[in-house]
C-alpha atoms as a PDB file:
ATOM      1  CA  MET A   1     -37.489  48.422 -34.039  1.00  0.00           C
ATOM      2  CA  THR A   2     -34.087  48.783 -35.674  1.00  0.00           C
ATOM      3  CA  ARG A   3     -33.423  52.030 -33.801  1.00  0.00           C
ATOM      4  CA  ILE A   4     -34.292  50.417 -30.462  1.00  0.00           C
ATOM      5  CA  PHE A   5     -32.021  47.470 -31.235  1.00  0.00           C
ATOM      6  CA  LYS A   6     -29.140  49.781 -32.156  1.00  0.00           C
ATOM      7  CA  ILE A   7     -29.515  51.709 -28.905  1.00  0.00           C
ATOM      8  CA  PHE A   8     -29.487  48.511 -26.833  1.00  0.00           C
ATOM      9  CA  ALA A   9     -26.641  47.021 -28.855  1.00  0.00           C
ATOM     10  CA  LEU A  10     -24.491  50.132 -28.392  1.00  0.00           C
ATOM     11  CA  THR A  11     -25.320  50.278 -24.696  1.00  0.00           C
ATOM     12  CA  THR A  12     -24.580  46.583 -24.299  1.00  0.00           C
ATOM     13  CA  CYS A  13     -21.236  46.963 -26.080  1.00  0.00           C
ATOM     14  CA  ALA A  14     -20.357  49.811 -23.734  1.00  0.00           C
ATOM     15  CA  ILE A  15     -21.283  47.716 -20.701  1.00  0.00           C
ATOM     16  CA  VAL A  16     -19.297  44.708 -21.899  1.00  0.00           C
ATOM     17  CA  ALA A  17     -16.310  46.947 -22.706  1.00  0.00           C
ATOM     18  CA  ALA A  18     -16.550  48.568 -19.281  1.00  0.00           C
ATOM     19  CA  MET A  19     -16.688  45.131 -17.681  1.00  0.00           C
ATOM     20  CA  GLY A  20     -13.631  44.159 -19.687  1.00  0.00           C
ATOM     21  CA  GLN A  21     -15.668  41.040 -20.405  1.00  0.00           C
ATOM     22  CA  ALA A  22     -14.577  39.942 -16.938  1.00  0.00           C
ATOM     23  CA  LYS A  23     -18.006  38.491 -16.186  1.00  0.00           C
ATOM     24  CA  ALA A  24     -19.326  35.927 -18.583  1.00  0.00           C
ATOM     25  CA  LEU A  25     -23.099  35.803 -18.291  1.00  0.00           C
ATOM     26  CA  THR A  26     -24.802  32.435 -17.867  1.00  0.00           C
ATOM     27  CA  HIS A  27     -28.334  31.137 -17.930  1.00  0.00           C
ATOM     28  CA  THR A  28     -27.968  29.717 -14.428  1.00  0.00           C
ATOM     29  CA  ASP A  29     -26.666  32.864 -12.762  1.00  0.00           C
ATOM     30  CA  ASP A  30     -28.109  35.692 -14.824  1.00  0.00           C
ATOM     31  CA  ILE A  31     -31.050  34.610 -16.987  1.00  0.00           C
ATOM     32  CA  ALA A  32     -32.869  31.960 -14.936  1.00  0.00           C
ATOM     33  CA  PRO A  33     -33.638  34.466 -12.129  1.00  0.00           C
ATOM     34  CA  LEU A  34     -35.151  36.852 -14.678  1.00  0.00           C
ATOM     35  CA  ILE A  35     -37.211  34.053 -16.224  1.00  0.00           C
ATOM     36  CA  LYS A  36     -38.435  33.025 -12.783  1.00  0.00           C
ATOM     37  CA  LYS A  37     -39.368  36.627 -11.978  1.00  0.00           C
ATOM     38  CA  TYR A  38     -41.068  37.540 -15.271  1.00  0.00           C
ATOM     39  CA  CYS A  39     -41.920  34.442 -17.335  1.00  0.00           C
ATOM     40  CA  LEU A  40     -43.036  31.775 -14.893  1.00  0.00           C
ATOM     41  CA  PRO A  41     -45.554  30.349 -14.133  1.00  0.00           C
ATOM     42  CA  CYS A  42     -47.020  31.066 -17.601  1.00  0.00           C
ATOM     43  CA  HIS A  43     -44.171  29.303 -19.433  1.00  0.00           C
ATOM     44  CA  LEU A  44     -43.862  26.176 -17.273  1.00  0.00           C
ATOM     45  CA  ALA A  45     -43.861  22.846 -19.104  1.00  0.00           C
ATOM     46  CA  GLU A  46     -46.747  21.627 -16.964  1.00  0.00           C
ATOM     47  CA  ASN A  47     -48.945  24.585 -17.918  1.00  0.00           C
ATOM     48  CA  GLU A  48     -50.756  25.034 -21.181  1.00  0.00           C
ATOM     49  CA  ASN A  49     -49.596  28.124 -23.012  1.00  0.00           C
ATOM     50  CA  PRO A  50     -50.464  29.115 -26.566  1.00  0.00           C
ATOM     51  CA  SER A  51     -46.851  29.367 -27.739  1.00  0.00           C
ATOM     52  CA  GLN A  52     -45.919  25.892 -26.459  1.00  0.00           C
ATOM     53  CA  LEU A  53     -42.772  27.496 -25.062  1.00  0.00           C
ATOM     54  CA  SER A  54     -41.535  26.059 -21.791  1.00  0.00           C
ATOM     55  CA  MET A  55     -38.856  27.991 -19.948  1.00  0.00           C
ATOM     56  CA  ASP A  56     -38.427  25.762 -16.886  1.00  0.00           C
ATOM     57  CA  ASN A  57     -34.769  25.166 -17.656  1.00  0.00           C
ATOM     58  CA  TYR A  58     -32.021  25.941 -20.164  1.00  0.00           C
ATOM     59  CA  ASP A  59     -32.710  22.965 -22.430  1.00  0.00           C
ATOM     60  CA  LEU A  60     -36.422  23.730 -22.763  1.00  0.00           C
ATOM     61  CA  LEU A  61     -35.707  27.421 -23.358  1.00  0.00           C
ATOM     62  CA  MET A  62     -33.242  26.593 -26.118  1.00  0.00           C
ATOM     63  CA  LYS A  63     -35.652  24.072 -27.675  1.00  0.00           C
ATOM     64  CA  GLY A  64     -38.093  26.860 -28.470  1.00  0.00           C
ATOM     65  CA  GLY A  65     -41.808  26.725 -29.104  1.00  0.00           C
ATOM     66  CA  GLU A  66     -44.429  27.241 -31.756  1.00  0.00           C
ATOM     67  CA  HIS A  67     -42.635  30.304 -33.138  1.00  0.00           C
ATOM     68  CA  GLY A  68     -39.258  28.636 -33.551  1.00  0.00           C
ATOM     69  CA  LYS A  69     -36.009  29.099 -31.671  1.00  0.00           C
ATOM     70  CA  THR A  70     -36.255  31.233 -28.575  1.00  0.00           C
ATOM     71  CA  VAL A  71     -32.550  32.070 -28.550  1.00  0.00           C
ATOM     72  CA  VAL A  72     -30.103  32.244 -31.452  1.00  0.00           C
ATOM     73  CA  PRO A  73     -26.712  32.396 -29.695  1.00  0.00           C
ATOM     74  CA  GLY A  74     -24.776  35.492 -30.688  1.00  0.00           C
ATOM     75  CA  LYS A  75     -27.786  37.052 -32.436  1.00  0.00           C
ATOM     76  CA  PRO A  76     -30.231  38.923 -30.203  1.00  0.00           C
ATOM     77  CA  LYS A  77     -31.956  40.496 -33.205  1.00  0.00           C
ATOM     78  CA  GLU A  78     -32.912  36.970 -34.357  1.00  0.00           C
ATOM     79  CA  SER A  79     -33.828  35.703 -30.873  1.00  0.00           C
ATOM     80  CA  ASN A  80     -37.509  35.602 -29.991  1.00  0.00           C
ATOM     81  CA  LEU A  81     -36.631  35.909 -26.305  1.00  0.00           C
ATOM     82  CA  TYR A  82     -35.259  39.401 -26.943  1.00  0.00           C
ATOM     83  CA  LEU A  83     -37.755  40.426 -29.633  1.00  0.00           C
ATOM     84  CA  LYS A  84     -40.767  39.551 -27.462  1.00  0.00           C
ATOM     85  CA  LEU A  85     -39.476  41.837 -24.706  1.00  0.00           C
ATOM     86  CA  LEU A  86     -39.607  44.866 -27.016  1.00  0.00           C
ATOM     87  CA  PRO A  87     -42.674  46.986 -27.743  1.00  0.00           C
ATOM     88  CA  ASN A  88     -44.389  45.811 -30.953  1.00  0.00           C
ATOM     89  CA  PRO A  89     -42.718  42.406 -31.339  1.00  0.00           C
ATOM     90  CA  PRO A  90     -42.876  40.688 -34.756  1.00  0.00           C
ATOM     91  CA  PHE A  91     -45.728  38.463 -33.525  1.00  0.00           C
ATOM     92  CA  GLY A  92     -48.119  38.502 -30.609  1.00  0.00           C
ATOM     93  CA  LYS A  93     -47.859  40.913 -27.709  1.00  0.00           C
ATOM     94  CA  GLN A  94     -44.930  42.260 -25.724  1.00  0.00           C
ATOM     95  CA  MET A  95     -43.942  40.076 -22.791  1.00  0.00           C
ATOM     96  CA  ALA A  96     -44.378  39.833 -19.912  1.00  0.00           C
ATOM     97  CA  ARG A  97     -48.104  40.047 -20.450  1.00  0.00           C
ATOM     98  CA  ASN A  98     -50.241  41.221 -17.556  1.00  0.00           C
ATOM     99  CA  ARG A  99     -47.108  41.638 -15.439  1.00  0.00           C
ATOM    100  CA  LYS A 100     -44.379  44.107 -14.746  1.00  0.00           C
ATOM    101  CA  ARG A 101     -41.865  44.320 -17.605  1.00  0.00           C
ATOM    102  CA  LEU A 102     -38.097  43.930 -17.404  1.00  0.00           C
ATOM    103  CA  THR A 103     -36.127  47.018 -16.499  1.00  0.00           C
ATOM    104  CA  GLU A 104     -33.754  48.528 -19.050  1.00  0.00           C
ATOM    105  CA  ASP A 105     -30.782  47.060 -17.152  1.00  0.00           C
ATOM    106  CA  GLU A 106     -32.375  43.596 -17.077  1.00  0.00           C
ATOM    107  CA  LEU A 107     -33.031  43.784 -20.816  1.00  0.00           C
ATOM    108  CA  LYS A 108     -29.372  44.705 -21.352  1.00  0.00           C
ATOM    109  CA  VAL A 109     -28.386  41.551 -19.460  1.00  0.00           C
ATOM    110  CA  VAL A 110     -30.558  39.429 -21.775  1.00  0.00           C
ATOM    111  CA  VAL A 111     -28.996  41.049 -24.857  1.00  0.00           C
ATOM    112  CA  ALA A 112     -25.453  40.647 -23.508  1.00  0.00           C
ATOM    113  CA  TRP A 113     -26.092  36.986 -22.606  1.00  0.00           C
ATOM    114  CA  ILE A 114     -27.327  36.229 -26.115  1.00  0.00           C
ATOM    115  CA  GLU A 115     -24.420  38.159 -27.662  1.00  0.00           C
ATOM    116  CA  GLN A 116     -21.957  36.176 -25.527  1.00  0.00           C
ATOM    117  CA  GLY A 117     -23.338  32.932 -26.928  1.00  0.00           C
ATOM    118  CA  ALA A 118     -26.198  32.149 -24.523  1.00  0.00           C
ATOM    119  CA  LYS A 119     -24.157  29.862 -22.291  1.00  0.00           C
ATOM    120  CA  LYS A 120     -25.746  27.477 -19.830  1.00  0.00           C
END
């Protein structure tokens, strides 16, 4: 898993450098659409899910679930949101279960958003 993280981290750094950090990523503009596409309806507050993780909005996402904090701002390697998107996560199965998985570019957006501080 360390090798995969290093590859994504280096790629993300290259993307951010190329962007000149002109575009700050936000939950509203960049992450919420991905959550809607890949994580809902399984992680809605009104639905029962084993992890007790609701991702309906920023506050619920940041609150976390049964496995602790979903996002640790600035630290993708410590953020369950990122770790669960990788093959062989530290617990449970890779997300999104029974659905299409995020593309490499979408995963890079998640990593960059967390690295930038996971802003609302």
